[in-house]
Amino acid sequence: MTELNIKSTIALLTDFGTKGQHYVASMKAIILKINPNVNIVDISHYVSPYSIIEASYLLKSTYYHFPKRSIFIIVVDPGVGSSREIIGIKTNANYYFIGPNNGIFSNVLDISEISECKLIENEEFFNKPTSKTFHGRDIMAPIGAHISNGIPLSRFGPDFKFNSLNEHQLFYKIFPDKNQIKCIIQFIDSFGNGTTNIPVVNNEIKNFNLELKNELKILIEIREREYECIFTTHYSNMPLNSILIVIGSTGFLELSINQGNASKELDFKGGDIITFKF
């Protein structure tokens, strides 16, 4: 099967929530009118409202599992209707991304991974009439659908400089003399587990010279309160309600309570800065 014969996939990521399913349905309807044969996958429509941090995390932890030539439409867009740009990106690995230039992409892709970046402004491809408050339906969805039909990115607008991508930096600071890391909570799942932005490879924290051994004791500080945690490779060998640090499936350290809700019991939320003391 040649690349041109492979059925395209469009993946959607929004903060529309439970009462915004009709918005999702509208985007899918526009896509299917343009390409009725495309696969549409929902990454999530429950991103915390306006959370660029959470959207970035969900996108960077999922997109590379998709087949090449997949198209990602991201509608977490607190600046909709303003002068913020909508951009289209193609990577060297043949993934496509469409969304607002609000800092999401700078936390997902390195500049070296991008082969094309275009400012989306060719109204020929927009849904009409084009709403000023629903660019997801009227601009991003049709552009994604046209890409799935083989229209090249260059048709949608002029070049956009890679280094003009807005940044939304995630706080992360290592204090080697104190054996501490200050990090941010990127995401909280439905169990209350908090995913940090501390990256781990082969049981070692990157650039920190520390091997994470089973039952290593770690102090964490949240809102000037300290808690003793235990690093573990899996939950089942730890007591119920114990505070745990685990390596999550996306390669970052996670803060958890065994069969409890860490976010509620330790009082943290997405975007909070916490301190790990090793």
Foldseek 3Di string as FASTA:
>chain_A
DDPLPDAEEEEEAACCPPVNVVLVVLLVVLLCVLPVRHHYHYLDNNDHQLDLLQSLVSCLLPPVVDDAQYEYEYYNCPPQLHPWFWKWWAFPSRYIYTYTLPASVVSRDDLNGTDFMWTFDDQVQFDPPDDSHNCSNTPRSSVNSVVSVPDDRPVGHHGDDPVPRDHDDWDWDDDQVQQKIKWFFRDADPQQKTFTPQADDPQDTPPRPDHQDFQDWKWKAFPNDIDIEGEHADQPVDDAQGWYWYQDPSGTIMTHGHSHRCCVVVVDDGGGIMMIGD
